[in-house]
Structure formats: structure tokens, C-alpha cells
N, C-alpha and C. Protein backbone atom coordinates (compact mmCIF):
# COMPACT_ATOMS: atom_id res chain seq x y z
N UNK A 1 0.72 -1.17 -0.03
CA UNK A 1 -0.20 0.24 0.12
C UNK A 1 1.06 1.32 0.24
N UNK A 2 1.93 1.43 0.68
CA UNK A 2 2.92 2.31 0.89
C UNK A 2 3.61 2.82 -1.00
N UNK A 3 3.66 1.64 -1.70
CA UNK A 3 4.31 1.78 -3.02
C UNK A 3 3.11 2.64 -3.46
N UNK A 4 1.60 2.42 -3.45
CA UNK A 4 0.59 3.13 -4.47
C UNK A 4 0.50 4.61 -3.79
N UNK A 5 0.79 4.77 -2.27
CA UNK A 5 1.15 6.09 -1.92
C UNK A 5 2.37 7.22 -2.46
N UNK A 6 3.31 6.11 -2.60
CA UNK A 6 4.34 6.86 -3.26
C UNK A 6 4.57 6.95 -4.56
N UNK A 7 3.71 6.53 -5.46
CA UNK A 7 3.66 6.56 -6.80
C UNK A 7 2.84 7.81 -6.99
N UNK A 8 1.64 7.64 -6.17
CA UNK A 8 0.77 8.81 -6.12
C UNK A 8 1.42 10.16 -5.81
N UNK A 9 2.19 10.38 -4.62
CA UNK A 9 2.80 11.56 -4.38
C UNK A 9 3.92 11.66 -5.43
N UNK A 10 4.60 11.34 -6.14
CA UNK A 10 5.46 11.28 -7.20
C UNK A 10 4.78 11.73 -8.19
N UNK A 11 3.69 11.17 -8.60
CA UNK A 11 2.76 11.36 -9.79
C UNK A 11 2.16 13.19 -9.74
N UNK A 12 2.06 13.29 -8.41
CA UNK A 12 1.03 15.09 -8.09
C UNK A 12 2.63 16.02 -8.20
N UNK A 13 3.65 15.40 -8.47
CA UNK A 13 4.65 16.04 -8.43
C UNK A 13 5.71 16.07 -9.51
N UNK A 14 5.65 15.57 -10.59
CA UNK A 14 5.71 15.11 -12.01
C UNK A 14 6.85 16.50 -12.13
N UNK A 15 6.71 17.78 -12.14
CA UNK A 15 7.66 18.04 -12.88
C UNK A 15 8.75 18.64 -12.14
N UNK A 16 8.50 18.44 -10.59
CA UNK A 16 9.58 18.38 -9.82
C UNK A 16 10.39 17.33 -10.04
N UNK A 17 9.85 15.76 -10.22
CA UNK A 17 10.72 14.69 -10.36
C UNK A 17 11.35 15.08 -11.65
N UNK A 18 10.79 15.36 -12.83
CA UNK A 18 11.32 15.37 -13.78
C UNK A 18 12.61 16.47 -13.59
N UNK A 19 12.62 17.49 -12.98
CA UNK A 19 13.74 18.56 -13.00
C UNK A 19 14.91 17.92 -11.97
N UNK A 20 14.87 17.25 -10.88
CA UNK A 20 15.48 16.22 -9.93
C UNK A 20 16.00 15.69 -10.90
N UNK A 21 15.52 14.66 -11.91
CA UNK A 21 16.11 13.58 -12.99
C UNK A 21 17.02 14.35 -13.35
N UNK A 22 16.53 15.34 -14.25
CA UNK A 22 17.80 16.13 -15.14
C UNK A 22 19.19 16.99 -14.51
N UNK A 23 18.86 17.12 -13.16
CA UNK A 23 19.52 17.71 -12.27
C UNK A 23 20.55 16.62 -11.84
N UNK A 24 19.99 15.63 -11.78
CA UNK A 24 20.94 14.22 -11.42
C UNK A 24 22.03 14.12 -12.87
N UNK A 25 21.30 13.94 -14.00
CA UNK A 25 21.83 13.62 -14.97
C UNK A 25 23.01 14.66 -15.36
N UNK A 26 22.91 15.93 -14.98
CA UNK A 26 23.97 17.18 -15.60
C UNK A 26 24.84 16.60 -14.50
N UNK A 27 24.52 16.31 -13.16
CA UNK A 27 25.83 16.40 -12.31
C UNK A 27 26.27 15.32 -12.63
N UNK A 28 26.10 14.01 -13.02
CA UNK A 28 26.75 12.65 -13.50
C UNK A 28 27.62 13.08 -14.51
N UNK A 29 26.99 13.96 -15.36
CA UNK A 29 28.15 14.39 -16.35
C UNK A 29 29.18 14.96 -16.36
N UNK A 30 28.90 16.30 -15.30
CA UNK A 30 30.00 16.67 -14.83
C UNK A 30 31.17 16.27 -14.16
N UNK A 31 30.60 15.27 -13.22
CA UNK A 31 31.44 14.33 -12.43
C UNK A 31 32.35 13.43 -13.72
N UNK A 32 31.33 12.78 -14.62
CA UNK A 32 32.13 12.20 -15.69
C UNK A 32 33.38 12.68 -16.25
N UNK A 33 32.75 13.99 -16.90
CA UNK A 33 34.39 15.06 -17.56
C UNK A 33 35.22 15.01 -16.72
N UNK A 34 34.94 15.37 -15.46
CA UNK A 34 35.99 16.20 -14.62
C UNK A 34 36.78 15.15 -13.69
N UNK A 35 35.95 14.23 -13.27
CA UNK A 35 36.71 13.12 -12.43
C UNK A 35 36.94 11.36 -12.52
N UNK A 36 36.49 11.18 -13.89
CA UNK A 36 36.46 9.95 -14.24
C UNK A 36 37.87 9.89 -15.29
N UNK A 37 38.85 9.31 -14.88
CA UNK A 37 39.90 8.51 -15.98
C UNK A 37 40.17 7.94 -17.02
N UNK A 38 40.16 8.77 -18.04
CA UNK A 38 39.89 8.06 -19.61
C UNK A 38 40.96 7.99 -20.46
N UNK A 39 41.94 7.90 -19.43
CA UNK A 39 43.62 7.20 -20.07
C UNK A 39 43.41 5.87 -20.69
N UNK A 40 42.89 5.23 -20.14
CA UNK A 40 42.54 3.84 -20.35
C UNK A 40 41.36 3.48 -21.22
N UNK A 41 41.00 4.18 -21.74
CA UNK A 41 39.63 3.86 -22.47
C UNK A 41 40.43 3.28 -23.87
N UNK A 42 39.31 2.23 -24.43
CA UNK A 42 39.44 1.45 -25.57
C UNK A 42 39.56 2.02 -26.85
N UNK A 43 38.70 3.26 -26.88
CA UNK A 43 38.48 3.52 -28.37
C UNK A 43 38.78 4.95 -28.17
N UNK A 44 38.68 5.74 -29.09
CA UNK A 44 38.47 7.76 -28.54
C UNK A 44 36.92 7.69 -28.48
N UNK A 45 36.00 7.15 -28.56
CA UNK A 45 34.43 7.77 -28.55
C UNK A 45 34.65 7.59 -27.00
N UNK A 46 35.08 6.82 -26.44
CA UNK A 46 35.16 6.33 -25.07
C UNK A 46 35.42 7.50 -24.15
N UNK A 47 36.57 8.51 -25.08
CA UNK A 47 36.67 9.65 -24.01
C UNK A 47 35.82 11.08 -24.13
N UNK A 48 34.80 10.72 -24.73
CA UNK A 48 33.61 11.67 -24.57
C UNK A 48 33.09 11.93 -23.09
N UNK A 49 32.70 12.43 -22.42
CA UNK A 49 31.91 12.85 -21.40
C UNK A 49 30.35 12.33 -21.93
N UNK A 50 29.94 11.53 -21.44
CA UNK A 50 29.01 10.70 -20.95
C UNK A 50 28.57 9.75 -22.29
N UNK A 51 29.69 9.27 -22.68
CA UNK A 51 29.39 8.33 -23.79
C UNK A 51 28.66 7.26 -23.54
N UNK A 52 28.80 6.53 -22.61
CA UNK A 52 28.38 5.04 -22.09
C UNK A 52 26.44 5.69 -21.58
N UNK A 53 26.14 6.91 -21.06
CA UNK A 53 25.28 7.09 -21.06
C UNK A 53 24.28 7.16 -22.05
N UNK A 54 24.79 8.10 -23.12
CA UNK A 54 24.02 8.29 -24.28
C UNK A 54 24.03 6.71 -25.00
N UNK A 55 24.83 5.83 -24.95
CA UNK A 55 24.56 4.53 -25.53
C UNK A 55 24.02 3.82 -24.84
N UNK A 56 23.66 3.89 -23.66
CA UNK A 56 22.53 3.11 -22.92
C UNK A 56 21.11 3.69 -23.20
N UNK A 57 21.29 4.84 -23.43
CA UNK A 57 19.95 5.37 -23.75
C UNK A 57 19.66 5.04 -24.89
N UNK A 58 20.53 5.20 -26.01
CA UNK A 58 20.01 4.70 -27.51
C UNK A 58 19.42 3.36 -27.58
N UNK A 59 20.60 2.28 -26.68
CA UNK A 59 20.35 1.20 -26.78
C UNK A 59 18.72 0.85 -26.53
N UNK A 60 18.39 1.64 -25.33
CA UNK A 60 17.13 1.36 -24.92
C UNK A 60 15.96 1.74 -25.88
N UNK A 61 16.39 2.82 -26.36
CA UNK A 61 15.00 3.55 -27.47
C UNK A 61 15.16 2.34 -28.58
N UNK A 62 16.36 1.75 -29.05
CA UNK A 62 16.12 0.90 -30.25
C UNK A 62 15.21 -0.18 -29.48
N UNK A 63 15.70 -0.94 -28.08
CA UNK A 63 14.77 -2.18 -27.84
C UNK A 63 12.90 -1.51 -27.73
N UNK A 64 12.99 -0.52 -27.14
CA UNK A 64 11.39 -0.22 -27.27
C UNK A 64 11.13 -0.19 -28.75
N UNK A 65 11.54 0.22 -29.67
CA UNK A 65 11.03 0.48 -31.04
C UNK A 65 10.93 -0.68 -31.64
N UNK A 66 11.68 -1.93 -31.50
CA UNK A 66 12.02 -3.10 -32.02
C UNK A 66 10.51 -3.79 -31.40
N UNK A 67 10.60 -3.82 -30.27
CA UNK A 67 9.59 -4.46 -29.31
C UNK A 67 8.11 -3.86 -30.23
N UNK A 68 8.01 -2.75 -30.20
CA UNK A 68 6.94 -2.12 -30.44
C UNK A 68 6.46 -2.89 -32.19
N UNK A 69 7.41 -2.96 -32.82
CA UNK A 69 7.47 -3.60 -34.20
C UNK A 69 6.98 -4.69 -34.18
N UNK A 70 7.85 -5.67 -33.19
CA UNK A 70 7.03 -6.93 -33.29
C UNK A 70 5.76 -6.85 -32.80
N UNK A 71 5.49 -6.20 -31.98
CA UNK A 71 4.16 -6.19 -31.20
C UNK A 71 3.12 -6.17 -32.33
N UNK A 72 3.19 -4.97 -32.85
CA UNK A 72 2.41 -4.76 -33.93
C UNK A 72 2.43 -5.38 -35.41
N UNK A 73 3.55 -6.32 -35.52
CA UNK A 73 3.80 -7.01 -36.82
C UNK A 73 3.30 -8.56 -36.50
N UNK A 74 2.53 -8.71 -35.29
CA UNK A 74 1.92 -9.78 -35.27
C UNK A 74 1.42 -10.49 -33.61
N UNK A 75 2.58 -10.04 -33.05
CA UNK A 75 2.34 -10.45 -31.71
C UNK A 75 1.03 -10.15 -30.89
N UNK A 76 0.36 -9.03 -31.00
CA UNK A 76 -0.96 -8.45 -30.39
C UNK A 76 -1.83 -8.68 -31.24
N UNK A 77 -2.89 -9.44 -30.38
CA UNK A 77 -3.79 -10.05 -31.25
C UNK A 77 -5.25 -9.18 -30.52
N UNK A 78 -6.41 -9.54 -31.28
CA UNK A 78 -7.52 -9.23 -30.74
C UNK A 78 -7.79 -9.91 -29.15
N UNK A 79 -8.87 -9.52 -28.41
CA UNK A 79 -8.80 -9.79 -27.40
C UNK A 79 -9.81 -10.91 -27.24
N UNK A 80 -10.73 -10.92 -28.30
CA UNK A 80 -11.73 -11.96 -28.60
C UNK A 80 -11.10 -13.16 -29.87
N UNK A 81 -9.92 -13.35 -29.64
CA UNK A 81 -9.11 -14.68 -30.49
C UNK A 81 -9.65 -15.53 -30.52
N UNK A 82 -9.98 -16.30 -29.35
CA UNK A 82 -10.52 -17.59 -28.97
C UNK A 82 -11.94 -17.51 -29.05
N UNK A 83 -12.64 -16.80 -29.21
CA UNK A 83 -14.07 -16.91 -29.02
C UNK A 83 -14.61 -17.15 -30.48
N UNK A 84 -14.18 -16.97 -31.79
CA UNK A 84 -14.33 -17.84 -32.97
C UNK A 84 -14.46 -19.10 -33.01
């Protein structure tokens, strides 16, 4: 029951939650740019600040797009599929 209350609390303050998340993301990018040693990076793009964050985000976007495509390509069926 407490989880439902937490979700309701956060949903009522959605703008503040989004701002906090963007602030944390910015803080992580600054920490990555200033404090993380990139001397032993394997490729040149790994030296860019927030490369792995951007890479992970784009990977998630690709997974979501692919799963939606699979769903609309035939996995999703009507609710009355077995009634016929």
C-alpha cells in the first residue's frame, strides 16, 4: 500500500521529479567529465563525456522501437481471438 502512495505522491509532483532527474543527469555528466580517468579507454569515443550514458539511452530506445514493431507485426491479437 505504501508503494501506491509513493507513486501517487510522485505523480502529483511530476515537474519536480523531472527537474530532479535532469539535475542528477547533469551532475553525473559533470562528474564524468571532470573526475573519471579516461586514459585507459579502448576507443576514442569512450573519451567523450557521458558516452556510455548516451549509448545506453540509445540502446533502450532501439529496444523499445523493436519491441513495438514486433508487437504490431503480429504478436498482439484481438481480445476475442479464442471466441471464434
